[in-house]
Protein backbone atom coordinates (compact mmCIF):
# COMPACT_ATOMS: atom_id res chain seq x y z
CA SER A 1 9.23 -16.03 2.76
CA GLY A 2 11.58 -14.67 0.22
CA ILE A 3 11.15 -10.98 -0.37
CA THR A 4 13.60 -8.95 -2.52
CA ILE A 5 13.58 -5.17 -2.62
CA TYR A 6 15.16 -2.98 -5.27
CA ARG A 7 15.39 0.69 -4.86
CA LEU A 8 15.94 3.48 -7.35
CA LEU A 9 16.85 7.04 -6.27
CA ASP A 10 14.31 9.69 -7.34
CA GLN A 11 16.72 12.59 -7.92
CA PRO A 12 14.56 15.64 -7.17
CA SER A 13 13.31 14.40 -3.83
CA GLY A 14 16.28 12.42 -2.58
CA LEU A 15 13.87 9.59 -1.86
CA TYR A 16 13.80 6.09 -3.30
CA GLU A 17 11.21 4.35 -5.41
CA TYR A 18 10.79 0.71 -4.42
CA LYS A 19 10.22 -2.42 -6.33
CA VAL A 20 9.40 -5.51 -4.27
CA PHE A 21 9.22 -9.12 -5.45
CA GLY A 22 8.24 -11.86 -3.19
CA VAL A 23 6.39 -15.09 -2.67
CA LEU A 24 3.74 -15.10 0.02
CA GLU A 25 3.15 -18.67 1.07
CA GLY A 26 -0.22 -20.13 2.09
CA CYS A 27 -2.26 -17.26 0.67
CA SER A 28 -3.94 -17.64 -2.75
CA PRO A 29 -3.85 -14.68 -5.24
CA ALA A 30 -7.67 -14.24 -5.23
CA LEU A 31 -7.70 -14.17 -1.45
CA LEU A 32 -4.76 -11.79 -1.25
CA ALA A 33 -6.40 -9.39 -3.66
CA ASP A 34 -9.62 -9.47 -1.63
CA VAL A 35 -7.72 -8.82 1.68
CA TYR A 36 -5.79 -5.97 0.05
CA MET A 37 -8.88 -4.28 -1.19
CA ASP A 38 -10.90 -4.66 2.03
CA LEU A 39 -10.35 -1.41 3.85
CA ASP A 40 -12.61 -2.21 6.79
CA TYR A 41 -10.70 -5.39 7.45
CA ARG A 42 -7.36 -3.58 7.18
CA LYS A 43 -8.28 -1.43 10.21
CA GLN A 44 -8.30 -4.64 12.23
CA TRP A 45 -4.86 -5.94 11.27
CA ASP A 46 -2.75 -2.86 10.31
CA GLN A 47 -1.63 -1.25 13.55
CA TYR A 48 -0.63 1.97 11.75
CA VAL A 49 -4.08 2.82 10.49
CA LYS A 50 -5.72 5.70 12.43
CA GLU A 51 -8.54 6.25 10.01
CA LEU A 52 -9.43 4.60 6.74
CA TYR A 53 -12.49 4.82 4.63
CA GLU A 54 -13.74 5.31 1.02
CA LYS A 55 -16.39 7.52 -0.43
CA GLU A 56 -17.57 8.59 -3.81
CA SER A 57 -16.26 11.82 -5.38
CA ASP A 58 -16.74 12.95 -8.98
CA GLU A 59 -18.12 9.49 -9.94
CA GLN A 60 -15.04 7.71 -8.62
CA MET A 61 -14.31 6.03 -5.34
CA VAL A 62 -11.71 7.92 -3.30
CA ALA A 63 -10.02 6.53 -0.28
CA TYR A 64 -8.87 8.54 2.83
CA TRP A 65 -6.20 7.01 4.99
CA GLU A 66 -4.55 8.51 8.03
CA VAL A 67 -1.25 6.79 9.20
CA LYS A 68 0.04 6.79 12.73
CA TYR A 69 3.56 8.08 13.03
CA PRO A 70 5.73 7.69 16.09
CA PHE A 71 6.09 10.61 18.49
CA PRO A 72 7.30 13.33 17.91
CA LEU A 73 6.44 13.11 14.19
CA SER A 74 3.11 14.23 12.87
CA ASN A 75 0.68 11.70 11.42
CA ARG A 76 0.43 11.62 7.63
CA ASP A 77 -2.70 11.24 5.53
CA TYR A 78 -3.44 10.24 2.02
CA VAL A 79 -6.21 10.89 -0.35
CA TYR A 80 -6.09 8.50 -3.33
CA THR A 81 -7.98 6.52 -5.89
CA ARG A 82 -7.53 2.83 -6.44
CA GLN A 83 -8.56 0.34 -9.06
CA ARG A 84 -8.50 -3.40 -9.18
CA ARG A 85 -8.32 -5.35 -12.38
CA ASP A 86 -8.36 -9.09 -12.70
CA LEU A 87 -6.50 -9.95 -15.90
CA ASP A 88 -6.02 -13.10 -17.91
CA VAL A 89 -2.65 -13.15 -19.56
CA ASP A 90 -2.16 -16.27 -21.72
CA GLY A 91 -4.19 -18.31 -19.20
CA ARG A 92 -2.43 -16.81 -16.20
CA LYS A 93 -4.68 -15.03 -13.83
CA ILE A 94 -3.07 -11.82 -12.68
CA TYR A 95 -4.70 -9.42 -10.10
CA VAL A 96 -3.62 -5.88 -10.36
CA VAL A 97 -4.29 -2.98 -7.99
CA LEU A 98 -3.26 0.55 -8.83
CA ALA A 99 -3.36 3.41 -6.27
CA GLN A 100 -2.36 6.99 -6.75
CA SER A 101 -2.80 10.23 -4.75
CA ILE A 102 -5.12 12.85 -6.02
CA SER A 103 -6.32 16.13 -4.70
CA ALA A 104 -9.99 16.18 -3.75
CA PRO A 105 -11.59 19.19 -2.09
CA GLN A 106 -13.99 16.96 -0.18
CA PHE A 107 -11.12 15.82 1.97
CA PRO A 108 -9.63 19.16 3.36
CA GLU A 109 -6.30 18.89 5.24
CA LYS A 110 -6.42 18.53 8.98
CA SER A 111 -4.42 20.58 11.39
CA GLY A 112 -1.55 18.61 12.89
CA VAL A 113 -1.65 16.00 10.09
CA ILE A 114 0.60 16.29 7.06
CA ARG A 115 -0.97 15.53 3.71
CA VAL A 116 1.06 13.28 1.49
CA LYS A 117 0.75 14.68 -1.98
CA GLN A 118 2.93 12.17 -3.89
CA TYR A 119 1.86 8.60 -3.40
CA LYS A 120 1.91 5.85 -5.89
CA GLN A 121 1.57 2.11 -5.41
CA SER A 122 0.93 -0.72 -7.86
CA LEU A 123 0.56 -4.35 -6.92
CA ALA A 124 0.40 -7.41 -9.12
CA ILE A 125 -0.41 -10.83 -7.72
CA GLU A 126 -0.30 -14.26 -9.45
CA SER A 127 -0.04 -17.85 -8.34
CA ASP A 128 3.28 -19.21 -7.33
CA GLY A 129 2.20 -22.56 -8.84
CA LYS A 130 1.39 -23.95 -5.44
CA LYS A 131 -0.90 -22.63 -2.73
CA GLY A 132 0.72 -19.24 -2.47
CA SER A 133 1.13 -16.06 -4.39
CA ARG A 134 3.92 -14.38 -6.26
CA VAL A 135 3.79 -10.67 -5.66
CA PHE A 136 5.25 -7.64 -7.40
CA MET A 137 4.90 -4.23 -5.73
CA TYR A 138 5.97 -0.75 -6.92
CA TYR A 139 5.92 1.97 -4.30
CA PHE A 140 6.72 5.63 -4.07
CA ASP A 141 5.79 7.89 -1.27
CA ASN A 142 6.94 11.47 -0.30
CA PRO A 143 5.86 12.04 3.22
CA GLY A 144 6.88 15.74 3.25
CA GLY A 145 7.62 17.70 6.39
CA GLN A 146 10.99 17.73 8.09
CA ILE A 147 11.73 14.07 8.24
CA PRO A 148 15.35 13.16 7.29
CA SER A 149 15.49 11.23 4.09
CA TRP A 150 17.59 8.48 5.75
CA LEU A 151 14.67 7.84 8.14
CA ILE A 152 12.05 7.76 5.32
CA ASN A 153 14.24 5.37 3.35
CA TRP A 154 14.79 3.20 6.35
CA ALA A 155 11.09 3.03 7.14
CA ALA A 156 10.12 2.12 3.49
CA LYS A 157 12.86 -0.52 3.35
CA ASN A 158 11.69 -2.12 6.61
CA GLY A 159 7.99 -1.29 6.36
CA VAL A 160 7.24 -3.06 3.14
CA PRO A 161 8.40 -6.61 4.20
CA ASN A 162 6.62 -6.18 7.55
CA PHE A 163 3.46 -5.07 5.76
CA LEU A 164 3.54 -8.13 3.53
CA LYS A 165 4.07 -10.42 6.58
CA ASP A 166 1.18 -8.88 8.31
CA MET A 167 -0.90 -9.25 5.13
CA VAL A 168 -0.17 -13.01 5.05
CA LYS A 169 -1.39 -13.28 8.64
CA ALA A 170 -4.43 -11.24 7.77
CA CYS A 171 -5.19 -13.72 4.91
CA GLN A 172 -5.15 -16.65 7.24
CA ASN A 173 -7.77 -14.94 9.50
CA TYR A 174 -10.02 -13.56 6.74
CA HIS A 175 -13.54 -14.59 6.59
CA LYS A 176 -15.77 -12.72 4.05
């Protein structure tokens, strides 16, 4: 599937922000949005998830996500809020998901795991006019710690298309 990635350097951190455009074939927008929001299901298809759950905090749902990093690097974890909106724009149905890291005292940092304090992701999904979805994703993540920026940038550049491919597979196996 055609996936194009643009990146923009974030000067202070030396890291890139990513914008990803692509068409995911054979997966409808409504299904893709459901799969993306379903954290329990994600544990089954995303090999990098160590722990992932959501709980209520200050009247909003907050997600906790621990990501497996390859040895000798420490795992990273994220605490973030996410919202889904199903929009109607001139008769086009667009599904939007926004996620952003927050600090929440109910999720104290764990020893040996590095907390990612800057994480932002937005996803917009609409029909490609056939049976698939057109996807736009914005992504920024500062994993902290002593990882060289070339490695972080390499991982982001390769990780995003792989994640989208895995998500298409996940769509095909999804049963609510």
